[in-house]
Amino acid sequence: MDGRKDILGIYVGQNESAKFGLSILNSLKTQGVNDILIACVDGLTEFPKPLKRYTPKRRFSST
Protein backbone atom coordinates (compact mmCIF):
# COMPACT_ATOMS: atom_id res chain seq x y z
CA MET A 1 0.00 0.00 0.00
CA ASP A 2 2.95 2.32 0.56
CA GLY A 3 4.34 1.68 -2.94
CA ARG A 4 7.12 -0.65 -1.83
CA LYS A 5 7.54 -3.93 -3.71
CA ASP A 6 9.22 -6.99 -2.25
CA ILE A 7 9.90 -10.46 -3.58
CA LEU A 8 8.45 -12.71 -0.91
CA GLY A 9 9.67 -15.98 -2.34
CA ILE A 10 10.48 -18.11 -5.33
CA TYR A 11 9.05 -21.60 -5.12
CA VAL A 12 9.70 -24.67 -7.25
CA GLY A 13 7.64 -27.81 -6.93
CA GLN A 14 7.22 -31.11 -8.70
CA ASN A 15 3.57 -30.44 -9.47
CA GLU A 16 0.98 -27.67 -9.40
CA SER A 17 -1.31 -29.12 -6.75
CA ALA A 18 -3.46 -27.33 -4.22
CA LYS A 19 -1.16 -28.82 -1.57
CA PHE A 20 1.82 -27.06 -3.16
CA GLY A 21 -0.14 -23.79 -3.24
CA LEU A 22 -1.01 -24.19 0.43
CA SER A 23 2.65 -24.76 1.28
CA ILE A 24 3.49 -21.46 -0.46
CA LEU A 25 0.80 -19.61 1.48
CA ASN A 26 1.93 -21.15 4.77
CA SER A 27 5.48 -20.03 4.01
CA LEU A 28 4.26 -16.48 3.38
CA LYS A 29 2.26 -16.55 6.60
CA THR A 30 5.35 -17.50 8.61
CA GLN A 31 7.07 -14.47 7.04
CA GLY A 32 4.34 -12.26 8.50
CA VAL A 33 2.06 -11.84 5.47
CA ASN A 34 -1.45 -11.26 6.84
CA ASP A 35 -3.35 -10.47 3.65
CA ILE A 36 -2.90 -10.76 -0.10
CA LEU A 37 -4.23 -8.04 -2.36
CA ILE A 38 -2.95 -9.38 -5.70
CA ALA A 39 -1.64 -12.84 -6.54
CA CYS A 40 -0.11 -13.31 -9.96
CA VAL A 41 0.83 -16.87 -10.84
CA ASP A 42 1.68 -18.61 -14.08
CA GLY A 43 0.24 -22.04 -14.61
CA LEU A 44 -0.77 -22.86 -11.05
CA THR A 45 -4.31 -23.89 -11.94
CA GLU A 46 -4.98 -25.27 -8.45
CA PHE A 47 -3.67 -22.17 -6.63
CA PRO A 48 -7.06 -20.40 -6.27
CA LYS A 49 -8.36 -23.17 -3.96
CA PRO A 50 -5.90 -22.61 -1.10
CA LEU A 51 -5.84 -18.87 -1.82
CA LYS A 52 -9.58 -18.65 -1.16
CA ARG A 53 -9.11 -20.49 2.14
CA TYR A 54 -6.20 -18.24 3.10
CA THR A 55 -8.01 -14.97 2.31
CA PRO A 56 -11.76 -15.77 2.55
CA LYS A 57 -12.84 -12.10 2.49
CA ARG A 58 -11.28 -11.42 -0.93
CA ARG A 59 -12.72 -12.27 -4.33
CA PHE A 60 -10.24 -13.50 -6.93
CA SER A 61 -10.47 -13.77 -10.66
CA SER A 62 -8.60 -16.53 -12.42
CA THR A 63 -8.39 -14.75 -15.78
PDB file of N, CA and C in Angstrom:
ATOM      1  N   MET A   1       0.813  -1.192   0.000  1.00  0.00           N
ATOM      2  CA  MET A   1       0.000   0.000   0.000  1.00  0.00           C
ATOM      3  C   MET A   1       0.862   1.264   0.000  1.00  0.00           C
ATOM      4  N   ASP A   2       2.086   1.147   0.508  1.00  0.00           N
ATOM      5  CA  ASP A   2       2.954   2.321   0.558  1.00  0.00           C
ATOM      6  C   ASP A   2       3.828   2.452  -0.682  1.00  0.00           C
ATOM      7  N   GLY A   3       3.594   1.599  -1.685  1.00  0.00           N
ATOM      8  CA  GLY A   3       4.336   1.675  -2.935  1.00  0.00           C
ATOM      9  C   GLY A   3       5.600   0.848  -2.967  1.00  0.00           C
ATOM     10  N   ARG A   4       5.925   0.185  -1.891  1.00  0.00           N
ATOM     11  CA  ARG A   4       7.121  -0.651  -1.832  1.00  0.00           C
ATOM     12  C   ARG A   4       6.798  -2.037  -2.384  1.00  0.00           C
ATOM     13  N   LYS A   5       7.718  -2.592  -3.153  1.00  0.00           N
ATOM     14  CA  LYS A   5       7.543  -3.927  -3.707  1.00  0.00           C
ATOM     15  C   LYS A   5       8.645  -4.832  -3.171  1.00  0.00           C
ATOM     16  N   ASP A   6       8.263  -6.013  -2.764  1.00  0.00           N
ATOM     17  CA  ASP A   6       9.221  -6.985  -2.249  1.00  0.00           C
ATOM     18  C   ASP A   6       8.965  -8.335  -2.898  1.00  0.00           C
ATOM     19  N   ILE A   7      10.033  -9.065  -3.157  1.00  0.00           N
ATOM     20  CA  ILE A   7       9.898 -10.457  -3.581  1.00  0.00           C
ATOM     21  C   ILE A   7       9.797 -11.270  -2.304  1.00  0.00           C
ATOM     22  N   LEU A   8       8.692 -11.963  -2.140  1.00  0.00           N
ATOM     23  CA  LEU A   8       8.452 -12.711  -0.912  1.00  0.00           C
ATOM     24  C   LEU A   8       8.922 -14.153  -1.003  1.00  0.00           C
ATOM     25  N   GLY A   9       9.171 -14.619  -2.206  1.00  0.00           N
ATOM     26  CA  GLY A   9       9.668 -15.979  -2.336  1.00  0.00           C
ATOM     27  C   GLY A   9       9.645 -16.447  -3.775  1.00  0.00           C
ATOM     28  N   ILE A  10      10.470 -17.407  -4.050  1.00  0.00           N
ATOM     29  CA  ILE A  10      10.484 -18.106  -5.334  1.00  0.00           C
ATOM     30  C   ILE A  10      10.371 -19.582  -4.988  1.00  0.00           C
ATOM     31  N   TYR A  11       9.353 -20.220  -5.507  1.00  0.00           N
ATOM     32  CA  TYR A  11       9.046 -21.596  -5.118  1.00  0.00           C
ATOM     33  C   TYR A  11       9.052 -22.506  -6.338  1.00  0.00           C
ATOM     34  N   VAL A  12       9.654 -23.666  -6.183  1.00  0.00           N
ATOM     35  CA  VAL A  12       9.703 -24.666  -7.249  1.00  0.00           C
ATOM     36  C   VAL A  12       9.161 -25.962  -6.669  1.00  0.00           C
ATOM     37  N   GLY A  13       8.219 -26.551  -7.387  1.00  0.00           N
ATOM     38  CA  GLY A  13       7.642 -27.808  -6.928  1.00  0.00           C
ATOM     39  C   GLY A  13       7.560 -28.810  -8.056  1.00  0.00           C
ATOM     40  N   GLN A  14       7.309 -30.054  -7.699  1.00  0.00           N
ATOM     41  CA  GLN A  14       7.219 -31.108  -8.701  1.00  0.00           C
ATOM     42  C   GLN A  14       5.883 -31.085  -9.439  1.00  0.00           C
ATOM     43  N   ASN A  15       4.861 -30.506  -8.808  1.00  0.00           N
ATOM     44  CA  ASN A  15       3.565 -30.436  -9.470  1.00  0.00           C
ATOM     45  C   ASN A  15       2.857 -29.151  -9.056  1.00  0.00           C
ATOM     46  N   GLU A  16       1.722 -28.907  -9.642  1.00  0.00           N
ATOM     47  CA  GLU A  16       0.976 -27.669  -9.396  1.00  0.00           C
ATOM     48  C   GLU A  16      -0.294 -27.967  -8.604  1.00  0.00           C
ATOM     49  N   SER A  17      -0.161 -28.690  -7.528  1.00  0.00           N
ATOM     50  CA  SER A  17      -1.311 -29.122  -6.753  1.00  0.00           C
ATOM     51  C   SER A  17      -1.755 -28.043  -5.774  1.00  0.00           C
ATOM     52  N   ALA A  18      -2.957 -28.222  -5.256  1.00  0.00           N
ATOM     53  CA  ALA A  18      -3.464 -27.325  -4.219  1.00  0.00           C
ATOM     54  C   ALA A  18      -2.588 -27.443  -2.973  1.00  0.00           C
ATOM     55  N   LYS A  19      -2.050 -28.618  -2.715  1.00  0.00           N
ATOM     56  CA  LYS A  19      -1.158 -28.822  -1.568  1.00  0.00           C
ATOM     57  C   LYS A  19       0.101 -27.971  -1.708  1.00  0.00           C
ATOM     58  N   PHE A  20       0.645 -27.889  -2.913  1.00  0.00           N
ATOM     59  CA  PHE A  20       1.823 -27.056  -3.161  1.00  0.00           C
ATOM     60  C   PHE A  20       1.473 -25.584  -2.950  1.00  0.00           C
ATOM     61  N   GLY A  21       0.311 -25.168  -3.441  1.00  0.00           N
ATOM     62  CA  GLY A  21      -0.136 -23.790  -3.236  1.00  0.00           C
ATOM     63  C   GLY A  21      -0.293 -23.469  -1.765  1.00  0.00           C
ATOM     64  N   LEU A  22      -0.832 -24.399  -1.008  1.00  0.00           N
ATOM     65  CA  LEU A  22      -1.007 -24.194   0.427  1.00  0.00           C
ATOM     66  C   LEU A  22       0.346 -24.083   1.129  1.00  0.00           C
ATOM     67  N   SER A  23       1.320 -24.852   0.677  1.00  0.00           N
ATOM     68  CA  SER A  23       2.655 -24.757   1.284  1.00  0.00           C
ATOM     69  C   SER A  23       3.273 -23.384   1.017  1.00  0.00           C
ATOM     70  N   ILE A  24       3.011 -22.811  -0.157  1.00  0.00           N
ATOM     71  CA  ILE A  24       3.488 -21.462  -0.462  1.00  0.00           C
ATOM     72  C   ILE A  24       2.831 -20.456   0.472  1.00  0.00           C
ATOM     73  N   LEU A  25       1.520 -20.547   0.623  1.00  0.00           N
ATOM     74  CA  LEU A  25       0.798 -19.610   1.482  1.00  0.00           C
ATOM     75  C   LEU A  25       1.217 -19.743   2.944  1.00  0.00           C
ATOM     76  N   ASN A  26       1.455 -20.956   3.405  1.00  0.00           N
ATOM     77  CA  ASN A  26       1.932 -21.154   4.772  1.00  0.00           C
ATOM     78  C   ASN A  26       3.312 -20.539   4.963  1.00  0.00           C
ATOM     79  N   SER A  27       4.158 -20.645   3.952  1.00  0.00           N
ATOM     80  CA  SER A  27       5.483 -20.025   4.014  1.00  0.00           C
ATOM     81  C   SER A  27       5.360 -18.512   4.115  1.00  0.00           C
ATOM     82  N   LEU A  28       4.471 -17.926   3.323  1.00  0.00           N
ATOM     83  CA  LEU A  28       4.265 -16.482   3.382  1.00  0.00           C
ATOM     84  C   LEU A  28       3.724 -16.058   4.741  1.00  0.00           C
ATOM     85  N   LYS A  29       2.837 -16.871   5.288  1.00  0.00           N
ATOM     86  CA  LYS A  29       2.263 -16.552   6.597  1.00  0.00           C
ATOM     87  C   LYS A  29       3.336 -16.538   7.678  1.00  0.00           C
ATOM     88  N   THR A  30       4.275 -17.477   7.626  1.00  0.00           N
ATOM     89  CA  THR A  30       5.348 -17.500   8.614  1.00  0.00           C
ATOM     90  C   THR A  30       6.284 -16.302   8.459  1.00  0.00           C
ATOM     91  N   GLN A  31       6.282 -15.681   7.266  1.00  0.00           N
ATOM     92  CA  GLN A  31       7.075 -14.470   7.038  1.00  0.00           C
ATOM     93  C   GLN A  31       6.342 -13.225   7.535  1.00  0.00           C
ATOM     94  N   GLY A  32       5.091 -13.393   7.964  1.00  0.00           N
ATOM     95  CA  GLY A  32       4.338 -12.261   8.498  1.00  0.00           C
ATOM     96  C   GLY A  32       3.313 -11.672   7.548  1.00  0.00           C
ATOM     97  N   VAL A  33       3.071 -12.326   6.410  1.00  0.00           N
ATOM     98  CA  VAL A  33       2.062 -11.841   5.469  1.00  0.00           C
ATOM     99  C   VAL A  33       0.680 -12.137   6.048  1.00  0.00           C
ATOM    100  N   ASN A  34      -0.117 -11.098   6.260  1.00  0.00           N
ATOM    101  CA  ASN A  34      -1.446 -11.261   6.842  1.00  0.00           C
ATOM    102  C   ASN A  34      -2.559 -11.223   5.812  1.00  0.00           C
ATOM    103  N   ASP A  35      -2.309 -10.611   4.665  1.00  0.00           N
ATOM    104  CA  ASP A  35      -3.346 -10.473   3.646  1.00  0.00           C
ATOM    105  C   ASP A  35      -2.684 -10.391   2.281  1.00  0.00           C
ATOM    106  N   ILE A  36      -3.399 -10.807   1.268  1.00  0.00           N
ATOM    107  CA  ILE A  36      -2.901 -10.758  -0.104  1.00  0.00           C
ATOM    108  C   ILE A  36      -3.884  -9.948  -0.924  1.00  0.00           C
ATOM    109  N   LEU A  37      -3.393  -8.892  -1.515  1.00  0.00           N
ATOM    110  CA  LEU A  37      -4.232  -8.045  -2.359  1.00  0.00           C
ATOM    111  C   LEU A  37      -4.236  -8.551  -3.799  1.00  0.00           C
ATOM    112  N   ILE A  38      -3.072  -8.890  -4.323  1.00  0.00           N
ATOM    113  CA  ILE A  38      -2.952  -9.380  -5.698  1.00  0.00           C
ATOM    114  C   ILE A  38      -2.040 -10.600  -5.700  1.00  0.00           C
ATOM    115  N   ALA A  39      -2.480 -11.648  -6.357  1.00  0.00           N
ATOM    116  CA  ALA A  39      -1.644 -12.836  -6.538  1.00  0.00           C
ATOM    117  C   ALA A  39      -1.533 -13.082  -8.035  1.00  0.00           C
ATOM    118  N   CYS A  40      -0.340 -13.075  -8.536  1.00  0.00           N
ATOM    119  CA  CYS A  40      -0.109 -13.313  -9.960  1.00  0.00           C
ATOM    120  C   CYS A  40       0.727 -14.578 -10.082  1.00  0.00           C
ATOM    121  N   VAL A  41       0.140 -15.603 -10.682  1.00  0.00           N
ATOM    122  CA  VAL A  41       0.834 -16.871 -10.838  1.00  0.00           C
ATOM    123  C   VAL A  41       0.721 -17.316 -12.286  1.00  0.00           C
ATOM    124  N   ASP A  42       1.667 -18.122 -12.713  1.00  0.00           N
ATOM    125  CA  ASP A  42       1.678 -18.609 -14.084  1.00  0.00           C
ATOM    126  C   ASP A  42       1.561 -20.121 -14.075  1.00  0.00           C
ATOM    127  N   GLY A  43       0.412 -20.610 -14.463  1.00  0.00           N
ATOM    128  CA  GLY A  43       0.240 -22.039 -14.614  1.00  0.00           C
ATOM    129  C   GLY A  43      -0.231 -22.795 -13.387  1.00  0.00           C
ATOM    130  N   LEU A  44      -0.314 -22.163 -12.245  1.00  0.00           N
ATOM    131  CA  LEU A  44      -0.775 -22.861 -11.050  1.00  0.00           C
ATOM    132  C   LEU A  44      -2.300 -22.906 -11.041  1.00  0.00           C
ATOM    133  N   THR A  45      -2.861 -23.827 -11.784  1.00  0.00           N
ATOM    134  CA  THR A  45      -4.311 -23.886 -11.941  1.00  0.00           C
ATOM    135  C   THR A  45      -5.033 -24.226 -10.637  1.00  0.00           C
ATOM    136  N   GLU A  46      -4.366 -24.899  -9.720  1.00  0.00           N
ATOM    137  CA  GLU A  46      -4.982 -25.272  -8.446  1.00  0.00           C
ATOM    138  C   GLU A  46      -4.744 -24.232  -7.351  1.00  0.00           C
ATOM    139  N   PHE A  47      -4.006 -23.168  -7.644  1.00  0.00           N
ATOM    140  CA  PHE A  47      -3.674 -22.171  -6.628  1.00  0.00           C
ATOM    141  C   PHE A  47      -4.881 -21.424  -6.078  1.00  0.00           C
ATOM    142  N   PRO A  48      -5.910 -21.123  -6.845  1.00  0.00           N
ATOM    143  CA  PRO A  48      -7.056 -20.399  -6.269  1.00  0.00           C
ATOM    144  C   PRO A  48      -7.734 -21.110  -5.098  1.00  0.00           C
ATOM    145  N   LYS A  49      -7.711 -22.435  -5.064  1.00  0.00           N
ATOM    146  CA  LYS A  49      -8.363 -23.166  -3.963  1.00  0.00           C
ATOM    147  C   LYS A  49      -7.761 -22.818  -2.608  1.00  0.00           C
ATOM    148  N   PRO A  50      -6.450 -22.989  -2.405  1.00  0.00           N
ATOM    149  CA  PRO A  50      -5.902 -22.615  -1.103  1.00  0.00           C
ATOM    150  C   PRO A  50      -5.904 -21.100  -0.883  1.00  0.00           C
ATOM    151  N   LEU A  51      -5.821 -20.327  -1.948  1.00  0.00           N
ATOM    152  CA  LEU A  51      -5.845 -18.873  -1.817  1.00  0.00           C
ATOM    153  C   LEU A  51      -7.180 -18.400  -1.251  1.00  0.00           C
ATOM    154  N   LYS A  52      -8.264 -19.014  -1.685  1.00  0.00           N
ATOM    155  CA  LYS A  52      -9.584 -18.650  -1.156  1.00  0.00           C
ATOM    156  C   LYS A  52      -9.710 -19.014   0.309  1.00  0.00           C
ATOM    157  N   ARG A  53      -9.088 -20.115   0.721  1.00  0.00           N
ATOM    158  CA  ARG A  53      -9.112 -20.486   2.141  1.00  0.00           C
ATOM    159  C   ARG A  53      -8.243 -19.546   2.968  1.00  0.00           C
ATOM    160  N   TYR A  54      -7.140 -19.103   2.388  1.00  0.00           N
ATOM    161  CA  TYR A  54      -6.203 -18.243   3.096  1.00  0.00           C
ATOM    162  C   TYR A  54      -6.753 -16.828   3.269  1.00  0.00           C
ATOM    163  N   THR A  55      -7.466 -16.328   2.274  1.00  0.00           N
ATOM    164  CA  THR A  55      -8.015 -14.973   2.307  1.00  0.00           C
ATOM    165  C   THR A  55      -9.502 -15.029   1.965  1.00  0.00           C
ATOM    166  N   PRO A  56     -10.343 -15.540   2.857  1.00  0.00           N
ATOM    167  CA  PRO A  56     -11.764 -15.768   2.546  1.00  0.00           C
ATOM    168  C   PRO A  56     -12.560 -14.489   2.273  1.00  0.00           C
ATOM    169  N   LYS A  57     -12.086 -13.335   2.700  1.00  0.00           N
ATOM    170  CA  LYS A  57     -12.839 -12.095   2.492  1.00  0.00           C
ATOM    171  C   LYS A  57     -12.615 -11.506   1.104  1.00  0.00           C
ATOM    172  N   ARG A  58     -11.618 -11.960   0.395  1.00  0.00           N
ATOM    173  CA  ARG A  58     -11.282 -11.419  -0.928  1.00  0.00           C
ATOM    174  C   ARG A  58     -11.954 -12.250  -2.022  1.00  0.00           C
ATOM    175  N   ARG A  59     -12.226 -11.583  -3.134  1.00  0.00           N
ATOM    176  CA  ARG A  59     -12.720 -12.272  -4.332  1.00  0.00           C
ATOM    177  C   ARG A  59     -11.601 -12.248  -5.359  1.00  0.00           C
ATOM    178  N   PHE A  60     -11.337 -13.390  -5.964  1.00  0.00           N
ATOM    179  CA  PHE A  60     -10.244 -13.503  -6.926  1.00  0.00           C
ATOM    180  C   PHE A  60     -10.790 -13.916  -8.285  1.00  0.00           C
ATOM    181  N   SER A  61     -10.159 -13.390  -9.296  1.00  0.00           N
ATOM    182  CA  SER A  61     -10.475 -13.774 -10.664  1.00  0.00           C
ATOM    183  C   SER A  61      -9.337 -14.617 -11.183  1.00  0.00           C
ATOM    184  N   SER A  62      -9.655 -15.654 -11.896  1.00  0.00           N
ATOM    185  CA  SER A  62      -8.603 -16.527 -12.423  1.00  0.00           C
ATOM    186  C   SER A  62      -8.344 -16.271 -13.912  1.00  0.00           C
ATOM    187  N   THR A  63      -8.622 -15.069 -14.362  1.00  0.00           N
ATOM    188  CA  THR A  63      -8.391 -14.747 -15.776  1.00  0.00           C
ATOM    189  C   THR A  63      -7.031 -14.178 -16.005  1.00  0.00           C
TER     190      THR A  63
END
